[in-house]
């Protein structure tokens, strides 16, 4: 349910962009804009239920309080960093998303693809897989589309301090991009080789290899704003929704029965209240940022800042789920 749609949509999109070239910027913003209500923002809006359900416990008010406090303290602290040193906050956002998106793909390989075969192998192999997967959406666009990557960085940082964006300029030099490409290349090759040594030409290794090839081709050929928005919705978020449904006492029976619409409706119902809260927070953020929000790109920039502040506590919640479900243990 949660793997094949991402393959098809990303592969098809890469082919379309290779044939037609770039879209106007306004159209490239569409997937990110859609992610506000289509899987992207909502996929983290069930965190108050996620760990309790993964532990097989009822989601009590105590769980709500724990998760709410985590978001308030950790997310609030990171939001303050954006206000004080936005260039540092942006750099941290890239590293944080690298870790979190790698974390999400690792779960998919462990629990969905390689569950029976114990793939990926031990903790070191799993760390390598997570580091490799997270690097693709964060680093390849920098290598292939530095101009648009820098535009996004300047937009986000400029919401708080336009002059601070100059601190990021070293990341967009030819030397930095060559070094970044080398890092990703080494990670991809190492991940494939270690996986093959562990499992040989098995089905999990082949799935891992195919997904790596799809992602590399996708991020090399599709401009970052469109690519990251689409990946966020139909790859990362959809997979996490599948994980949430699998521990949902209402959604899981529907999923096992093949009633995907009912399973997704259960998720949507759970996610709706906090998605609305996040949307109201976005409106508030757009009204108070010092740089102001006047263009569609700046509005998407404000949305990404909100996503950043939410991603840090969300990553901690997912790490908690990983511990409960044994994601980092040996196969």
C-alpha atoms as a PDB file:
ATOM      1  CA  UNK A   1       0.000   0.000   0.000  1.00  0.00           C
ATOM      2  CA  UNK A   2       2.656   2.525   1.001  1.00  0.00           C
ATOM      3  CA  UNK A   3       5.661   1.632  -1.173  1.00  0.00           C
ATOM      4  CA  UNK A   4       4.652   1.103  -4.788  1.00  0.00           C
ATOM      5  CA  UNK A   5       2.751   4.420  -5.266  1.00  0.00           C
ATOM      6  CA  UNK A   6       5.900   6.323  -4.388  1.00  0.00           C
ATOM      7  CA  UNK A   7       7.964   4.350  -6.884  1.00  0.00           C
ATOM      8  CA  UNK A   8       5.548   4.996  -9.708  1.00  0.00           C
ATOM      9  CA  UNK A   9       4.948   8.684  -9.068  1.00  0.00           C
ATOM     10  CA  UNK A  10       8.606   9.595  -8.580  1.00  0.00           C
ATOM     11  CA  UNK A  11       9.793   7.573 -11.578  1.00  0.00           C
ATOM     12  CA  UNK A  12       7.063   9.017 -13.814  1.00  0.00           C
ATOM     13  CA  UNK A  13       7.812  12.554 -12.629  1.00  0.00           C
ATOM     14  CA  UNK A  14      11.515  12.142 -13.383  1.00  0.00           C
ATOM     15  CA  UNK A  15      10.691  11.026 -16.927  1.00  0.00           C
ATOM     16  CA  UNK A  16       8.292  13.944 -17.445  1.00  0.00           C
ATOM     17  CA  UNK A  17      10.861  16.513 -16.312  1.00  0.00           C
ATOM     18  CA  UNK A  18      13.571  14.946 -18.462  1.00  0.00           C
ATOM     19  CA  UNK A  19      11.282  15.308 -21.478  1.00  0.00           C
ATOM     20  CA  UNK A  20       9.607  18.648 -20.785  1.00  0.00           C
ATOM     21  CA  UNK A  21      12.206  20.499 -18.739  1.00  0.00           C
ATOM     22  CA  UNK A  22      11.409  22.835 -15.844  1.00  0.00           C
ATOM     23  CA  UNK A  23       8.003  24.154 -14.852  1.00  0.00           C
ATOM     24  CA  UNK A  24       7.402  27.785 -13.884  1.00  0.00           C
ATOM     25  CA  UNK A  25       8.184  28.346 -10.203  1.00  0.00           C
ATOM     26  CA  UNK A  26       4.531  28.872  -9.275  1.00  0.00           C
ATOM     27  CA  UNK A  27       3.675  25.353 -10.463  1.00  0.00           C
ATOM     28  CA  UNK A  28       6.685  23.880  -8.682  1.00  0.00           C
ATOM     29  CA  UNK A  29       5.220  25.065  -5.377  1.00  0.00           C
ATOM     30  CA  UNK A  30       2.080  22.941  -5.818  1.00  0.00           C
ATOM     31  CA  UNK A  31       3.268  19.699  -4.115  1.00  0.00           C
ATOM     32  CA  UNK A  32       4.524  21.582  -1.058  1.00  0.00           C
ATOM     33  CA  UNK A  33       1.304  23.575  -0.901  1.00  0.00           C
ATOM     34  CA  UNK A  34      -0.712  20.363  -1.216  1.00  0.00           C
ATOM     35  CA  UNK A  35       1.285  18.772   1.604  1.00  0.00           C
ATOM     36  CA  UNK A  36      -0.399  21.164   4.033  1.00  0.00           C
ATOM     37  CA  UNK A  37      -3.471  18.916   3.954  1.00  0.00           C
ATOM     38  CA  UNK A  38      -2.383  15.945   1.820  1.00  0.00           C
ATOM     39  CA  UNK A  39      -0.323  13.634   4.058  1.00  0.00           C
ATOM     40  CA  UNK A  40       2.612  16.022   4.615  1.00  0.00           C
ATOM     41  CA  UNK A  41       1.595  18.131   7.604  1.00  0.00           C
ATOM     42  CA  UNK A  42      -1.003  15.590   8.851  1.00  0.00           C
ATOM     43  CA  UNK A  43       1.507  12.716   8.983  1.00  0.00           C
ATOM     44  CA  UNK A  44       2.980  14.192  12.158  1.00  0.00           C
ATOM     45  CA  UNK A  45      -0.373  15.158  13.664  1.00  0.00           C
ATOM     46  CA  UNK A  46      -0.911  11.729  15.240  1.00  0.00           C
ATOM     47  CA  UNK A  47       2.215  11.844  17.393  1.00  0.00           C
ATOM     48  CA  UNK A  48       0.090  12.121  20.542  1.00  0.00           C
ATOM     49  CA  UNK A  49      -1.234   8.609  19.779  1.00  0.00           C
ATOM     50  CA  UNK A  50       1.756   7.013  18.051  1.00  0.00           C
ATOM     51  CA  UNK A  51       4.009   5.826  20.887  1.00  0.00           C
ATOM     52  CA  UNK A  52       1.161   4.597  23.069  1.00  0.00           C
ATOM     53  CA  UNK A  53      -0.249   2.576  20.188  1.00  0.00           C
ATOM     54  CA  UNK A  54       3.176   1.195  19.292  1.00  0.00           C
ATOM     55  CA  UNK A  55       3.439   0.006  22.901  1.00  0.00           C
ATOM     56  CA  UNK A  56      -0.022  -1.531  22.756  1.00  0.00           C
ATOM     57  CA  UNK A  57      -1.353   0.911  25.346  1.00  0.00           C
ATOM     58  CA  UNK A  58      -4.384   3.204  25.325  1.00  0.00           C
ATOM     59  CA  UNK A  59      -3.626   6.829  24.470  1.00  0.00           C
ATOM     60  CA  UNK A  60      -4.451   8.460  27.802  1.00  0.00           C
ATOM     61  CA  UNK A  61      -4.342  12.095  28.861  1.00  0.00           C
ATOM     62  CA  UNK A  62      -0.906  11.365  30.327  1.00  0.00           C
ATOM     63  CA  UNK A  63       0.397  10.485  26.874  1.00  0.00           C
ATOM     64  CA  UNK A  64      -1.165  13.649  25.441  1.00  0.00           C
ATOM     65  CA  UNK A  65       0.559  15.717  28.128  1.00  0.00           C
ATOM     66  CA  UNK A  66       3.964  14.096  27.560  1.00  0.00           C
ATOM     67  CA  UNK A  67       3.859  14.610  23.803  1.00  0.00           C
ATOM     68  CA  UNK A  68       2.407  18.111  24.135  1.00  0.00           C
ATOM     69  CA  UNK A  69       5.165  19.126  26.538  1.00  0.00           C
ATOM     70  CA  UNK A  70       7.803  17.697  24.184  1.00  0.00           C
ATOM     71  CA  UNK A  71       6.441  19.762  21.301  1.00  0.00           C
ATOM     72  CA  UNK A  72       6.133  22.881  23.430  1.00  0.00           C
ATOM     73  CA  UNK A  73       9.643  22.752  24.870  1.00  0.00           C
ATOM     74  CA  UNK A  74      11.690  21.262  22.034  1.00  0.00           C
ATOM     75  CA  UNK A  75       9.738  22.759  19.136  1.00  0.00           C
ATOM     76  CA  UNK A  76       9.504  26.115  20.902  1.00  0.00           C
ATOM     77  CA  UNK A  77      13.252  26.189  21.564  1.00  0.00           C
ATOM     78  CA  UNK A  78      14.008  25.457  17.918  1.00  0.00           C
ATOM     79  CA  UNK A  79      11.563  28.148  16.804  1.00  0.00           C
ATOM     80  CA  UNK A  80      13.509  30.581  18.982  1.00  0.00           C
ATOM     81  CA  UNK A  81      16.724  29.581  17.200  1.00  0.00           C
ATOM     82  CA  UNK A  82      15.086  30.551  13.892  1.00  0.00           C
ATOM     83  CA  UNK A  83      14.324  33.979  15.308  1.00  0.00           C
ATOM     84  CA  UNK A  84      17.822  34.538  16.728  1.00  0.00           C
ATOM     85  CA  UNK A  85      20.239  32.811  14.308  1.00  0.00           C
ATOM     86  CA  UNK A  86      18.219  31.767  11.238  1.00  0.00           C
ATOM     87  CA  UNK A  87      21.233  30.656   9.170  1.00  0.00           C
ATOM     88  CA  UNK A  88      22.207  28.169  11.881  1.00  0.00           C
ATOM     89  CA  UNK A  89      18.577  27.057  12.149  1.00  0.00           C
ATOM     90  CA  UNK A  90      18.438  26.424   8.398  1.00  0.00           C
ATOM     91  CA  UNK A  91      21.645  24.381   8.411  1.00  0.00           C
ATOM     92  CA  UNK A  92      20.320  22.359  11.324  1.00  0.00           C
ATOM     93  CA  UNK A  93      17.027  21.844   9.459  1.00  0.00           C
ATOM     94  CA  UNK A  94      18.917  20.211   6.583  1.00  0.00           C
ATOM     95  CA  UNK A  95      20.787  17.866   8.943  1.00  0.00           C
ATOM     96  CA  UNK A  96      17.634  17.132  10.937  1.00  0.00           C
ATOM     97  CA  UNK A  97      15.644  16.279   7.812  1.00  0.00           C
ATOM     98  CA  UNK A  98      18.541  14.149   6.566  1.00  0.00           C
ATOM     99  CA  UNK A  99      18.323  12.145   9.797  1.00  0.00           C
ATOM    100  CA  UNK A 100      14.524  11.980   9.925  1.00  0.00           C
ATOM    101  CA  UNK A 101      13.912  11.004   6.298  1.00  0.00           C
ATOM    102  CA  UNK A 102      16.635   8.368   6.553  1.00  0.00           C
ATOM    103  CA  UNK A 103      14.944   7.143   9.715  1.00  0.00           C
ATOM    104  CA  UNK A 104      11.641   6.816   7.855  1.00  0.00           C
ATOM    105  CA  UNK A 105      13.096   4.858   4.956  1.00  0.00           C
ATOM    106  CA  UNK A 106      14.953   2.555   7.328  1.00  0.00           C
ATOM    107  CA  UNK A 107      11.706   1.567   9.029  1.00  0.00           C
ATOM    108  CA  UNK A 108      10.152   0.781   5.664  1.00  0.00           C
ATOM    109  CA  UNK A 109      13.025  -1.541   4.745  1.00  0.00           C
ATOM    110  CA  UNK A 110      13.127  -3.226   8.145  1.00  0.00           C
ATOM    111  CA  UNK A 111       9.412  -3.726   8.776  1.00  0.00           C
ATOM    112  CA  UNK A 112       7.902  -3.970   5.308  1.00  0.00           C
ATOM    113  CA  UNK A 113      10.549  -5.148   2.846  1.00  0.00           C
ATOM    114  CA  UNK A 114      13.105  -7.143   4.838  1.00  0.00           C
ATOM    115  CA  UNK A 115      11.145  -8.312   7.852  1.00  0.00           C
ATOM    116  CA  UNK A 116      11.450 -12.051   7.140  1.00  0.00           C
ATOM    117  CA  UNK A 117      15.039 -11.911   5.902  1.00  0.00           C
ATOM    118  CA  UNK A 118      16.408  -9.587   8.601  1.00  0.00           C
ATOM    119  CA  UNK A 119      17.357  -6.892   6.104  1.00  0.00           C
ATOM    120  CA  UNK A 120      19.130  -4.554   6.659  1.00  0.00           C
ATOM    121  CA  UNK A 121      21.474  -6.453   8.949  1.00  0.00           C
ATOM    122  CA  UNK A 122      22.948  -5.231  12.223  1.00  0.00           C
ATOM    123  CA  UNK A 123      23.000  -1.744  13.707  1.00  0.00           C
ATOM    124  CA  UNK A 124      25.944  -0.522  11.599  1.00  0.00           C
ATOM    125  CA  UNK A 125      24.257  -1.608   8.355  1.00  0.00           C
ATOM    126  CA  UNK A 126      21.016   0.066   9.397  1.00  0.00           C
ATOM    127  CA  UNK A 127      22.816   3.282  10.281  1.00  0.00           C
ATOM    128  CA  UNK A 128      24.468   3.245   6.853  1.00  0.00           C
ATOM    129  CA  UNK A 129      21.096   2.712   5.149  1.00  0.00           C
ATOM    130  CA  UNK A 130      19.503   5.580   7.086  1.00  0.00           C
ATOM    131  CA  UNK A 131      22.428   7.924   6.389  1.00  0.00           C
ATOM    132  CA  UNK A 132      22.335   7.067   2.684  1.00  0.00           C
ATOM    133  CA  UNK A 133      18.578   7.400   2.241  1.00  0.00           C
ATOM    134  CA  UNK A 134      18.409  10.706   4.119  1.00  0.00           C
ATOM    135  CA  UNK A 135      21.248  12.182   2.088  1.00  0.00           C
ATOM    136  CA  UNK A 136      19.473  11.816  -1.258  1.00  0.00           C
ATOM    137  CA  UNK A 137      16.693  14.439  -0.891  1.00  0.00           C
ATOM    138  CA  UNK A 138      18.918  16.780   1.105  1.00  0.00           C
ATOM    139  CA  UNK A 139      22.212  16.690  -0.811  1.00  0.00           C
ATOM    140  CA  UNK A 140      21.535  15.707  -4.429  1.00  0.00           C
ATOM    141  CA  UNK A 141      19.388  18.833  -5.083  1.00  0.00           C
ATOM    142  CA  UNK A 142      22.291  20.955  -3.826  1.00  0.00           C
ATOM    143  CA  UNK A 143      24.571  19.268  -6.350  1.00  0.00           C
ATOM    144  CA  UNK A 144      22.162  19.328  -9.296  1.00  0.00           C
ATOM    145  CA  UNK A 145      20.217  22.574  -8.713  1.00  0.00           C
ATOM    146  CA  UNK A 146      22.350  24.908  -6.570  1.00  0.00           C
ATOM    147  CA  UNK A 147      20.546  28.053  -7.738  1.00  0.00           C
ATOM    148  CA  UNK A 148      17.110  26.936  -6.595  1.00  0.00           C
ATOM    149  CA  UNK A 149      18.515  25.405  -3.408  1.00  0.00           C
ATOM    150  CA  UNK A 150      20.119  28.746  -2.544  1.00  0.00           C
ATOM    151  CA  UNK A 151      16.861  30.554  -3.380  1.00  0.00           C
ATOM    152  CA  UNK A 152      15.014  28.431  -0.846  1.00  0.00           C
ATOM    153  CA  UNK A 153      17.730  28.964   1.781  1.00  0.00           C
ATOM    154  CA  UNK A 154      17.687  32.733   1.276  1.00  0.00           C
ATOM    155  CA  UNK A 155      13.893  32.802   1.397  1.00  0.00           C
ATOM    156  CA  UNK A 156      13.669  30.948   4.708  1.00  0.00           C
ATOM    157  CA  UNK A 157      16.502  32.832   6.371  1.00  0.00           C
ATOM    158  CA  UNK A 158      15.298  36.126   4.897  1.00  0.00           C
ATOM    159  CA  UNK A 159      12.007  35.822   6.735  1.00  0.00           C
ATOM    160  CA  UNK A 160      13.994  36.643   9.869  1.00  0.00           C
ATOM    161  CA  UNK A 161      17.197  38.383   8.724  1.00  0.00           C
ATOM    162  CA  UNK A 162      17.966  38.894   5.006  1.00  0.00           C
ATOM    163  CA  UNK A 163      21.614  39.653   5.723  1.00  0.00           C
ATOM    164  CA  UNK A 164      22.140  36.350   7.549  1.00  0.00           C
ATOM    165  CA  UNK A 165      21.774  34.325   4.353  1.00  0.00           C
ATOM    166  CA  UNK A 166      25.304  35.337   3.328  1.00  0.00           C
ATOM    167  CA  UNK A 167      26.622  32.944   5.981  1.00  0.00           C
ATOM    168  CA  UNK A 168      25.364  30.031   3.853  1.00  0.00           C
ATOM    169  CA  UNK A 169      27.079  31.073   0.615  1.00  0.00           C
ATOM    170  CA  UNK A 170      30.051  28.724   1.089  1.00  0.00           C
ATOM    171  CA  UNK A 171      27.706  25.738   0.767  1.00  0.00           C
ATOM    172  CA  UNK A 172      26.902  26.656  -2.847  1.00  0.00           C
ATOM    173  CA  UNK A 173      30.440  26.871  -4.219  1.00  0.00           C
ATOM    174  CA  UNK A 174      31.641  24.370  -6.805  1.00  0.00           C
ATOM    175  CA  UNK A 175      34.086  22.896  -4.278  1.00  0.00           C
ATOM    176  CA  UNK A 176      31.363  22.321  -1.688  1.00  0.00           C
ATOM    177  CA  UNK A 177      29.062  20.730  -4.254  1.00  0.00           C
ATOM    178  CA  UNK A 178      31.808  18.390  -5.496  1.00  0.00           C
ATOM    179  CA  UNK A 179      32.498  17.341  -1.906  1.00  0.00           C
ATOM    180  CA  UNK A 180      28.769  16.817  -1.307  1.00  0.00           C
ATOM    181  CA  UNK A 181      28.474  14.686  -4.461  1.00  0.00           C
ATOM    182  CA  UNK A 182      31.423  12.588  -3.318  1.00  0.00           C
ATOM    183  CA  UNK A 183      29.821  11.992   0.087  1.00  0.00           C
ATOM    184  CA  UNK A 184      26.545  10.839  -1.470  1.00  0.00           C
ATOM    185  CA  UNK A 185      28.352   8.675  -4.008  1.00  0.00           C
ATOM    186  CA  UNK A 186      30.366   6.920  -1.314  1.00  0.00           C
ATOM    187  CA  UNK A 187      27.254   6.380   0.810  1.00  0.00           C
ATOM    188  CA  UNK A 188      25.233   4.918  -2.070  1.00  0.00           C
ATOM    189  CA  UNK A 189      28.001   2.547  -3.180  1.00  0.00           C
ATOM    190  CA  UNK A 190      28.795   1.494   0.387  1.00  0.00           C
ATOM    191  CA  UNK A 191      25.119   0.886   1.158  1.00  0.00           C
ATOM    192  CA  UNK A 192      24.667  -1.294  -1.920  1.00  0.00           C
ATOM    193  CA  UNK A 193      27.884  -3.248  -1.328  1.00  0.00           C
ATOM    194  CA  UNK A 194      27.247  -3.865   2.370  1.00  0.00           C
ATOM    195  CA  UNK A 195      23.665  -4.863   1.606  1.00  0.00           C
ATOM    196  CA  UNK A 196      24.801  -7.307  -1.070  1.00  0.00           C
ATOM    197  CA  UNK A 197      27.436  -8.825   1.217  1.00  0.00           C
ATOM    198  CA  UNK A 198      24.781  -9.281   3.874  1.00  0.00           C
ATOM    199  CA  UNK A 199      21.934 -10.664   1.759  1.00  0.00           C
ATOM    200  CA  UNK A 200      23.209 -11.338  -1.759  1.00  0.00           C
ATOM    201  CA  UNK A 201      20.835 -10.730  -4.688  1.00  0.00           C
ATOM    202  CA  UNK A 202      17.809 -11.293  -2.457  1.00  0.00           C
ATOM    203  CA  UNK A 203      14.442  -9.575  -2.850  1.00  0.00           C
ATOM    204  CA  UNK A 204      15.084  -7.042  -0.008  1.00  0.00           C
ATOM    205  CA  UNK A 205      18.452  -6.064  -1.479  1.00  0.00           C
ATOM    206  CA  UNK A 206      16.920  -5.677  -4.942  1.00  0.00           C
ATOM    207  CA  UNK A 207      14.141  -3.476  -3.536  1.00  0.00           C
ATOM    208  CA  UNK A 208      16.737  -1.411  -1.688  1.00  0.00           C
ATOM    209  CA  UNK A 209      18.797  -1.030  -4.880  1.00  0.00           C
ATOM    210  CA  UNK A 210      15.789  -0.132  -7.040  1.00  0.00           C
ATOM    211  CA  UNK A 211      14.626   2.480  -4.551  1.00  0.00           C
ATOM    212  CA  UNK A 212      18.098   4.005  -4.404  1.00  0.00           C
ATOM    213  CA  UNK A 213      18.238   4.236  -8.197  1.00  0.00           C
ATOM    214  CA  UNK A 214      14.756   5.783  -8.386  1.00  0.00           C
ATOM    215  CA  UNK A 215      15.596   8.377  -5.741  1.00  0.00           C
ATOM    216  CA  UNK A 216      18.956   9.307  -7.264  1.00  0.00           C
ATOM    217  CA  UNK A 217      17.422   9.707 -10.727  1.00  0.00           C
ATOM    218  CA  UNK A 218      14.467  11.645  -9.345  1.00  0.00           C
ATOM    219  CA  UNK A 219      16.486  14.206  -7.385  1.00  0.00           C
ATOM    220  CA  UNK A 220      19.003  14.623 -10.215  1.00  0.00           C
ATOM    221  CA  UNK A 221      16.296  15.422 -12.765  1.00  0.00           C
ATOM    222  CA  UNK A 222      13.511  17.249 -10.867  1.00  0.00           C
ATOM    223  CA  UNK A 223      13.999  20.771  -9.454  1.00  0.00           C
ATOM    224  CA  UNK A 224      14.234  20.756  -5.640  1.00  0.00           C
ATOM    225  CA  UNK A 225      11.087  22.684  -4.760  1.00  0.00           C
ATOM    226  CA  UNK A 226       8.875  20.332  -6.758  1.00  0.00           C
ATOM    227  CA  UNK A 227      10.965  17.243  -5.944  1.00  0.00           C
ATOM    228  CA  UNK A 228      11.047  17.710  -2.182  1.00  0.00           C
ATOM    229  CA  UNK A 229       7.350  18.567  -2.045  1.00  0.00           C
ATOM    230  CA  UNK A 230       6.350  15.472  -3.997  1.00  0.00           C
ATOM    231  CA  UNK A 231       8.736  13.204  -2.075  1.00  0.00           C
ATOM    232  CA  UNK A 232       7.431  14.599   1.215  1.00  0.00           C
ATOM    233  CA  UNK A 233       3.843  13.672   0.311  1.00  0.00           C
ATOM    234  CA  UNK A 234       3.957  10.426  -1.639  1.00  0.00           C
ATOM    235  CA  UNK A 235       7.132   8.824  -0.286  1.00  0.00           C
ATOM    236  CA  UNK A 236       8.039   9.864   3.253  1.00  0.00           C
ATOM    237  CA  UNK A 237       4.630  10.829   4.628  1.00  0.00           C
ATOM    238  CA  UNK A 238       2.705   8.012   2.963  1.00  0.00           C
ATOM    239  CA  UNK A 239       5.092   5.447   4.418  1.00  0.00           C
ATOM    240  CA  UNK A 240       4.773   6.942   7.874  1.00  0.00           C
ATOM    241  CA  UNK A 241       0.983   6.945   7.570  1.00  0.00           C
ATOM    242  CA  UNK A 242       1.183   3.238   6.767  1.00  0.00           C
ATOM    243  CA  UNK A 243       3.231   2.757   9.923  1.00  0.00           C
ATOM    244  CA  UNK A 244       0.670   4.645  11.996  1.00  0.00           C
ATOM    245  CA  UNK A 245      -2.240   2.704  10.549  1.00  0.00           C
ATOM    246  CA  UNK A 246      -0.442  -0.562  11.361  1.00  0.00           C
ATOM    247  CA  UNK A 247      -0.605   0.254  15.101  1.00  0.00           C
ATOM    248  CA  UNK A 248      -4.078   1.838  14.998  1.00  0.00           C
ATOM    249  CA  UNK A 249      -6.615  -0.499  16.661  1.00  0.00           C
ATOM    250  CA  UNK A 250      -9.235   0.716  14.183  1.00  0.00           C
ATOM    251  CA  UNK A 251      -7.127   1.196  11.070  1.00  0.00           C
ATOM    252  CA  UNK A 252      -5.105  -2.013  11.267  1.00  0.00           C
ATOM    253  CA  UNK A 253      -8.052  -4.434  10.817  1.00  0.00           C
ATOM    254  CA  UNK A 254      -9.198  -2.328   7.867  1.00  0.00           C
ATOM    255  CA  UNK A 255      -5.703  -2.425   6.387  1.00  0.00           C
ATOM    256  CA  UNK A 256      -5.452  -6.196   6.805  1.00  0.00           C
ATOM    257  CA  UNK A 257      -8.850  -6.593   5.128  1.00  0.00           C
ATOM    258  CA  UNK A 258      -7.709  -4.508   2.171  1.00  0.00           C
ATOM    259  CA  UNK A 259     -10.134  -1.703   3.065  1.00  0.00           C
ATOM    260  CA  UNK A 260      -7.562   1.000   2.415  1.00  0.00           C
ATOM    261  CA  UNK A 261     -10.127   3.796   2.287  1.00  0.00           C
ATOM    262  CA  UNK A 262     -11.364   2.952   5.789  1.00  0.00           C
ATOM    263  CA  UNK A 263      -7.791   2.702   7.084  1.00  0.00           C
ATOM    264  CA  UNK A 264      -6.894   6.115   5.661  1.00  0.00           C
ATOM    265  CA  UNK A 265     -10.133   7.604   6.979  1.00  0.00           C
ATOM    266  CA  UNK A 266      -9.232   6.426  10.485  1.00  0.00           C
ATOM    267  CA  UNK A 267      -5.865   8.143  10.143  1.00  0.00           C
ATOM    268  CA  UNK A 268      -7.434  11.332   8.756  1.00  0.00           C
ATOM    269  CA  UNK A 269      -9.888  11.492  11.639  1.00  0.00           C
ATOM    270  CA  UNK A 270      -7.075  11.138  14.190  1.00  0.00           C
ATOM    271  CA  UNK A 271      -4.880  13.704  12.422  1.00  0.00           C
ATOM    272  CA  UNK A 272      -7.523  16.374  11.782  1.00  0.00           C
ATOM    273  CA  UNK A 273      -7.524  18.238  15.154  1.00  0.00           C
ATOM    274  CA  UNK A 274      -3.773  18.866  15.355  1.00  0.00           C
ATOM    275  CA  UNK A 275      -3.531  19.549  11.633  1.00  0.00           C
ATOM    276  CA  UNK A 276      -5.970  22.426  12.195  1.00  0.00           C
ATOM    277  CA  UNK A 277      -3.841  23.638  15.116  1.00  0.00           C
ATOM    278  CA  UNK A 278      -0.742  23.540  12.884  1.00  0.00           C
ATOM    279  CA  UNK A 279      -2.544  25.492  10.159  1.00  0.00           C
ATOM    280  CA  UNK A 280      -3.495  28.193  12.656  1.00  0.00           C
ATOM    281  CA  UNK A 281       0.133  28.269  13.785  1.00  0.00           C
ATOM    282  CA  UNK A 282       1.185  28.802  10.166  1.00  0.00           C
ATOM    283  CA  UNK A 283      -1.147  31.792   9.865  1.00  0.00           C
ATOM    284  CA  UNK A 284       0.271  33.240  13.072  1.00  0.00           C
ATOM    285  CA  UNK A 285       3.861  32.671  11.922  1.00  0.00           C
ATOM    286  CA  UNK A 286       3.201  34.314   8.566  1.00  0.00           C
ATOM    287  CA  UNK A 287       1.851  37.380  10.368  1.00  0.00           C
ATOM    288  CA  UNK A 288       4.747  37.816  12.806  1.00  0.00           C
ATOM    289  CA  UNK A 289       7.954  36.997  10.891  1.00  0.00           C
ATOM    290  CA  UNK A 290      10.078  40.162  10.683  1.00  0.00           C
ATOM    291  CA  UNK A 291      10.692  39.870   6.943  1.00  0.00           C
ATOM    292  CA  UNK A 292       6.994  39.658   6.124  1.00  0.00           C
ATOM    293  CA  UNK A 293       5.201  37.243   3.802  1.00  0.00           C
ATOM    294  CA  UNK A 294       4.213  38.794   0.484  1.00  0.00           C
ATOM    295  CA  UNK A 295       4.817  36.176  -2.220  1.00  0.00           C
ATOM    296  CA  UNK A 296       3.784  32.530  -2.648  1.00  0.00           C
ATOM    297  CA  UNK A 297       7.414  31.475  -2.223  1.00  0.00           C
ATOM    298  CA  UNK A 298       7.643  33.364   1.079  1.00  0.00           C
ATOM    299  CA  UNK A 299       4.427  31.733   2.276  1.00  0.00           C
ATOM    300  CA  UNK A 300       5.870  28.320   1.443  1.00  0.00           C
ATOM    301  CA  UNK A 301       9.042  29.455   3.233  1.00  0.00           C
ATOM    302  CA  UNK A 302       7.034  30.217   6.371  1.00  0.00           C
ATOM    303  CA  UNK A 303       5.414  26.798   6.053  1.00  0.00           C
ATOM    304  CA  UNK A 304       8.838  25.155   5.877  1.00  0.00           C
ATOM    305  CA  UNK A 305       9.955  27.024   9.002  1.00  0.00           C
ATOM    306  CA  UNK A 306       6.866  25.698  10.782  1.00  0.00           C
ATOM    307  CA  UNK A 307       7.648  22.211   9.474  1.00  0.00           C
ATOM    308  CA  UNK A 308      11.187  22.597  10.813  1.00  0.00           C
ATOM    309  CA  UNK A 309       9.970  23.493  14.296  1.00  0.00           C
ATOM    310  CA  UNK A 310       7.588  20.518  14.255  1.00  0.00           C
ATOM    311  CA  UNK A 311      10.104  18.082  12.769  1.00  0.00           C
ATOM    312  CA  UNK A 312      12.468  18.142  15.742  1.00  0.00           C
ATOM    313  CA  UNK A 313       9.970  16.812  18.320  1.00  0.00           C
ATOM    314  CA  UNK A 314       8.403  14.600  15.636  1.00  0.00           C
ATOM    315  CA  UNK A 315      11.799  12.993  14.986  1.00  0.00           C
ATOM    316  CA  UNK A 316      12.147  12.283  18.695  1.00  0.00           C
ATOM    317  CA  UNK A 317       8.696  10.669  18.749  1.00  0.00           C
ATOM    318  CA  UNK A 318       9.609   8.499  15.744  1.00  0.00           C
ATOM    319  CA  UNK A 319      12.900   7.551  17.432  1.00  0.00           C
ATOM    320  CA  UNK A 320      10.847   6.502  20.459  1.00  0.00           C
ATOM    321  CA  UNK A 321       8.674   4.345  18.182  1.00  0.00           C
ATOM    322  CA  UNK A 322      11.841   2.906  16.620  1.00  0.00           C
ATOM    323  CA  UNK A 323      13.029   1.828  20.075  1.00  0.00           C
ATOM    324  CA  UNK A 324       9.682   0.260  20.945  1.00  0.00           C
ATOM    325  CA  UNK A 325       9.482  -1.602  17.627  1.00  0.00           C
ATOM    326  CA  UNK A 326      13.133  -2.700  17.515  1.00  0.00           C
ATOM    327  CA  UNK A 327      14.006  -0.895  14.298  1.00  0.00           C
ATOM    328  CA  UNK A 328      17.672  -0.514  15.227  1.00  0.00           C
ATOM    329  CA  UNK A 329      18.109  -4.027  16.567  1.00  0.00           C
ATOM    330  CA  UNK A 330      19.791  -6.823  14.628  1.00  0.00           C
ATOM    331  CA  UNK A 331      17.729  -8.535  11.929  1.00  0.00           C
END
